[in-house]
Amino acid sequence: MTDLTPQEAARLAARAGLPLDRARHAGAAATANHIHRVVSALRDLDFADTPPAAAYRAQDPLTPANPRTPRKDRTDATG
């Protein structure tokens, strides 16, 4: 993909219902081009061995919310 021009960025923003002041056209185009490059780089990464996001917890690994950390107030099927 070729870089988005400021005029194209303005046209696409207006089409999306987000009209931009002329002073913001170049910045919007530069930002869109940067995001496109980053996403393109991410597409090239191999995530085959990466578990889905649902396998991760945002909590500290030492908190009881982590399913791998045993809790004293919870018993499992083995007793």
N, C-alpha and C. Protein backbone atom coordinates (compact mmCIF):
# COMPACT_ATOMS: atom_id res chain seq x y z
N MET A 1 0.84 -1.18 0.00
CA MET A 1 0.00 0.00 0.00
C MET A 1 0.88 1.24 0.00
N THR A 2 0.51 2.19 -0.79
CA THR A 2 1.23 3.47 -0.79
C THR A 2 0.72 4.31 0.37
N ASP A 3 1.53 5.26 0.79
CA ASP A 3 1.14 6.11 1.91
C ASP A 3 -0.11 6.92 1.58
N LEU A 4 -0.90 7.13 2.58
CA LEU A 4 -2.10 7.94 2.48
C LEU A 4 -1.68 9.41 2.41
N THR A 5 -2.22 10.14 1.47
CA THR A 5 -1.91 11.57 1.37
C THR A 5 -2.81 12.35 2.33
N PRO A 6 -2.42 13.57 2.67
CA PRO A 6 -3.29 14.38 3.53
C PRO A 6 -4.69 14.57 2.96
N GLN A 7 -4.78 14.73 1.64
CA GLN A 7 -6.09 14.90 1.01
C GLN A 7 -6.93 13.63 1.14
N GLU A 8 -6.30 12.47 0.96
CA GLU A 8 -7.03 11.20 1.11
C GLU A 8 -7.48 11.00 2.56
N ALA A 9 -6.62 11.36 3.50
CA ALA A 9 -6.99 11.24 4.91
C ALA A 9 -8.19 12.12 5.23
N ALA A 10 -8.20 13.33 4.70
CA ALA A 10 -9.32 14.24 4.92
C ALA A 10 -10.60 13.69 4.30
N ARG A 11 -10.50 13.14 3.10
CA ARG A 11 -11.66 12.59 2.42
C ARG A 11 -12.22 11.40 3.18
N LEU A 12 -11.35 10.50 3.64
CA LEU A 12 -11.80 9.33 4.38
C LEU A 12 -12.38 9.71 5.74
N ALA A 13 -11.78 10.69 6.39
CA ALA A 13 -12.31 11.15 7.68
C ALA A 13 -13.70 11.75 7.49
N ALA A 14 -13.87 12.55 6.46
CA ALA A 14 -15.17 13.15 6.19
C ALA A 14 -16.20 12.06 5.87
N ARG A 15 -15.79 11.07 5.12
CA ARG A 15 -16.69 9.96 4.78
C ARG A 15 -17.13 9.20 6.02
N ALA A 16 -16.25 9.14 7.03
CA ALA A 16 -16.57 8.47 8.29
C ALA A 16 -17.34 9.37 9.24
N GLY A 17 -17.61 10.60 8.81
CA GLY A 17 -18.35 11.53 9.66
C GLY A 17 -17.47 12.30 10.62
N LEU A 18 -16.17 12.36 10.33
CA LEU A 18 -15.21 13.05 11.18
C LEU A 18 -14.47 14.12 10.39
N PRO A 19 -15.14 15.19 10.04
CA PRO A 19 -14.46 16.22 9.24
C PRO A 19 -13.29 16.82 10.01
N LEU A 20 -12.20 17.03 9.29
CA LEU A 20 -10.97 17.57 9.90
C LEU A 20 -10.69 18.97 9.40
N ASP A 21 -10.16 19.81 10.29
CA ASP A 21 -9.66 21.12 9.87
C ASP A 21 -8.47 20.87 8.94
N ARG A 22 -8.25 21.76 8.01
CA ARG A 22 -7.15 21.61 7.05
C ARG A 22 -5.80 21.44 7.76
N ALA A 23 -5.62 22.08 8.89
CA ALA A 23 -4.35 22.00 9.63
C ALA A 23 -4.09 20.59 10.17
N ARG A 24 -5.12 19.77 10.25
CA ARG A 24 -4.96 18.42 10.81
C ARG A 24 -4.80 17.34 9.75
N HIS A 25 -4.94 17.68 8.48
CA HIS A 25 -4.88 16.67 7.41
C HIS A 25 -3.54 15.93 7.39
N ALA A 26 -2.45 16.65 7.44
CA ALA A 26 -1.12 16.02 7.36
C ALA A 26 -0.88 15.13 8.57
N GLY A 27 -1.25 15.60 9.74
CA GLY A 27 -1.06 14.80 10.96
C GLY A 27 -1.90 13.53 10.95
N ALA A 28 -3.12 13.65 10.47
CA ALA A 28 -3.99 12.47 10.38
C ALA A 28 -3.42 11.46 9.40
N ALA A 29 -2.91 11.93 8.28
CA ALA A 29 -2.31 11.02 7.29
C ALA A 29 -1.07 10.34 7.87
N ALA A 30 -0.22 11.11 8.54
CA ALA A 30 1.00 10.54 9.13
C ALA A 30 0.64 9.49 10.18
N THR A 31 -0.36 9.78 11.00
CA THR A 31 -0.78 8.82 12.03
C THR A 31 -1.34 7.56 11.40
N ALA A 32 -2.19 7.70 10.41
CA ALA A 32 -2.76 6.53 9.73
C ALA A 32 -1.66 5.70 9.07
N ASN A 33 -0.70 6.35 8.45
CA ASN A 33 0.40 5.62 7.81
C ASN A 33 1.23 4.86 8.84
N HIS A 34 1.48 5.48 9.98
CA HIS A 34 2.25 4.82 11.04
C HIS A 34 1.49 3.60 11.56
N ILE A 35 0.20 3.75 11.83
CA ILE A 35 -0.60 2.63 12.32
C ILE A 35 -0.59 1.50 11.30
N HIS A 36 -0.71 1.84 10.04
CA HIS A 36 -0.70 0.82 8.99
C HIS A 36 0.62 0.05 8.98
N ARG A 37 1.75 0.76 9.14
CA ARG A 37 3.05 0.09 9.17
C ARG A 37 3.18 -0.83 10.38
N VAL A 38 2.70 -0.40 11.54
CA VAL A 38 2.78 -1.22 12.75
C VAL A 38 1.92 -2.47 12.60
N VAL A 39 0.69 -2.31 12.12
CA VAL A 39 -0.19 -3.46 11.94
C VAL A 39 0.39 -4.41 10.90
N SER A 40 0.99 -3.89 9.86
CA SER A 40 1.61 -4.74 8.84
C SER A 40 2.74 -5.56 9.45
N ALA A 41 3.52 -4.95 10.33
CA ALA A 41 4.61 -5.68 10.99
C ALA A 41 4.04 -6.77 11.89
N LEU A 42 2.95 -6.50 12.57
CA LEU A 42 2.33 -7.51 13.44
C LEU A 42 1.80 -8.68 12.63
N ARG A 43 1.30 -8.41 11.43
CA ARG A 43 0.80 -9.50 10.59
C ARG A 43 1.90 -10.48 10.21
N ASP A 44 3.14 -10.02 10.18
CA ASP A 44 4.25 -10.88 9.79
C ASP A 44 4.74 -11.77 10.92
N LEU A 45 4.29 -11.53 12.16
CA LEU A 45 4.74 -12.34 13.29
C LEU A 45 4.02 -13.68 13.32
N ASP A 46 4.73 -14.70 13.78
CA ASP A 46 4.15 -16.03 13.88
C ASP A 46 3.65 -16.24 15.31
N PHE A 47 2.34 -16.30 15.47
CA PHE A 47 1.73 -16.49 16.78
C PHE A 47 1.19 -17.91 16.96
N ALA A 48 1.68 -18.86 16.18
CA ALA A 48 1.15 -20.22 16.20
C ALA A 48 1.25 -20.86 17.58
N ASP A 49 2.31 -20.58 18.34
CA ASP A 49 2.49 -21.19 19.66
C ASP A 49 1.97 -20.32 20.79
N THR A 50 1.29 -19.24 20.46
CA THR A 50 0.77 -18.33 21.48
C THR A 50 -0.67 -18.69 21.83
N PRO A 51 -0.93 -18.93 23.13
CA PRO A 51 -2.31 -19.25 23.51
C PRO A 51 -3.24 -18.06 23.27
N PRO A 52 -4.52 -18.30 23.12
CA PRO A 52 -5.46 -17.20 22.92
C PRO A 52 -5.48 -16.28 24.14
N ALA A 53 -5.91 -15.06 23.94
CA ALA A 53 -5.92 -14.06 25.01
C ALA A 53 -6.73 -14.51 26.21
N ALA A 54 -7.74 -15.33 26.03
CA ALA A 54 -8.56 -15.79 27.15
C ALA A 54 -7.76 -16.63 28.14
N ALA A 55 -6.59 -17.12 27.74
CA ALA A 55 -5.77 -17.93 28.64
C ALA A 55 -4.98 -17.08 29.62
N TYR A 56 -4.97 -15.78 29.47
CA TYR A 56 -4.21 -14.89 30.33
C TYR A 56 -5.11 -14.15 31.30
N ARG A 57 -4.59 -13.85 32.48
CA ARG A 57 -5.30 -13.04 33.47
C ARG A 57 -4.50 -11.77 33.69
N ALA A 58 -5.17 -10.65 33.86
CA ALA A 58 -4.50 -9.37 34.04
C ALA A 58 -3.98 -9.19 35.46
N GLN A 59 -4.41 -10.00 36.39
CA GLN A 59 -4.00 -9.86 37.78
C GLN A 59 -2.54 -10.24 37.97
N ASP A 60 -2.02 -9.82 39.11
CA ASP A 60 -0.66 -10.20 39.53
C ASP A 60 -0.61 -11.73 39.62
N PRO A 61 0.46 -12.36 39.16
CA PRO A 61 0.50 -13.82 39.18
C PRO A 61 0.44 -14.43 40.58
N LEU A 62 0.64 -13.65 41.62
CA LEU A 62 0.58 -14.19 42.97
C LEU A 62 -0.78 -14.01 43.63
N THR A 63 -1.72 -13.46 42.95
CA THR A 63 -3.04 -13.23 43.55
C THR A 63 -3.92 -14.46 43.39
N PRO A 64 -4.91 -14.61 44.27
CA PRO A 64 -5.80 -15.76 44.18
C PRO A 64 -6.62 -15.80 42.88
N ALA A 65 -6.73 -14.68 42.18
CA ALA A 65 -7.50 -14.67 40.94
C ALA A 65 -6.83 -15.47 39.83
N ASN A 66 -5.53 -15.72 39.98
CA ASN A 66 -4.82 -16.51 38.99
C ASN A 66 -5.21 -17.97 39.17
N PRO A 67 -5.75 -18.63 38.14
CA PRO A 67 -6.24 -20.00 38.30
C PRO A 67 -5.15 -21.00 38.64
N ARG A 68 -3.88 -20.69 38.43
CA ARG A 68 -2.80 -21.60 38.75
C ARG A 68 -2.34 -21.46 40.19
N THR A 69 -2.87 -20.48 40.91
CA THR A 69 -2.51 -20.27 42.30
C THR A 69 -3.59 -20.89 43.18
N PRO A 70 -3.25 -21.91 43.98
CA PRO A 70 -4.28 -22.54 44.80
C PRO A 70 -4.83 -21.56 45.83
N ARG A 71 -6.12 -21.65 46.07
CA ARG A 71 -6.78 -20.82 47.09
C ARG A 71 -7.21 -21.71 48.24
N LYS A 72 -7.05 -21.23 49.44
CA LYS A 72 -7.42 -22.01 50.61
C LYS A 72 -8.94 -22.15 50.75
N ASP A 73 -9.70 -21.19 50.20
CA ASP A 73 -11.13 -21.23 50.35
C ASP A 73 -11.83 -21.99 49.20
N ARG A 74 -11.05 -22.61 48.33
CA ARG A 74 -11.62 -23.33 47.20
C ARG A 74 -11.04 -24.74 47.16
N THR A 75 -11.87 -25.73 47.02
CA THR A 75 -11.39 -27.09 46.89
C THR A 75 -11.63 -27.56 45.47
N ASP A 76 -10.77 -28.42 45.01
CA ASP A 76 -10.96 -28.95 43.67
C ASP A 76 -11.59 -30.34 43.75
N ALA A 77 -11.73 -31.00 42.63
CA ALA A 77 -12.40 -32.29 42.58
C ALA A 77 -11.67 -33.36 43.36
N THR A 78 -10.37 -33.19 43.64
CA THR A 78 -9.60 -34.20 44.36
C THR A 78 -9.71 -34.02 45.86
N GLY A 79 -10.35 -33.01 46.31
CA GLY A 79 -10.56 -32.86 47.74
C GLY A 79 -9.83 -31.72 48.27
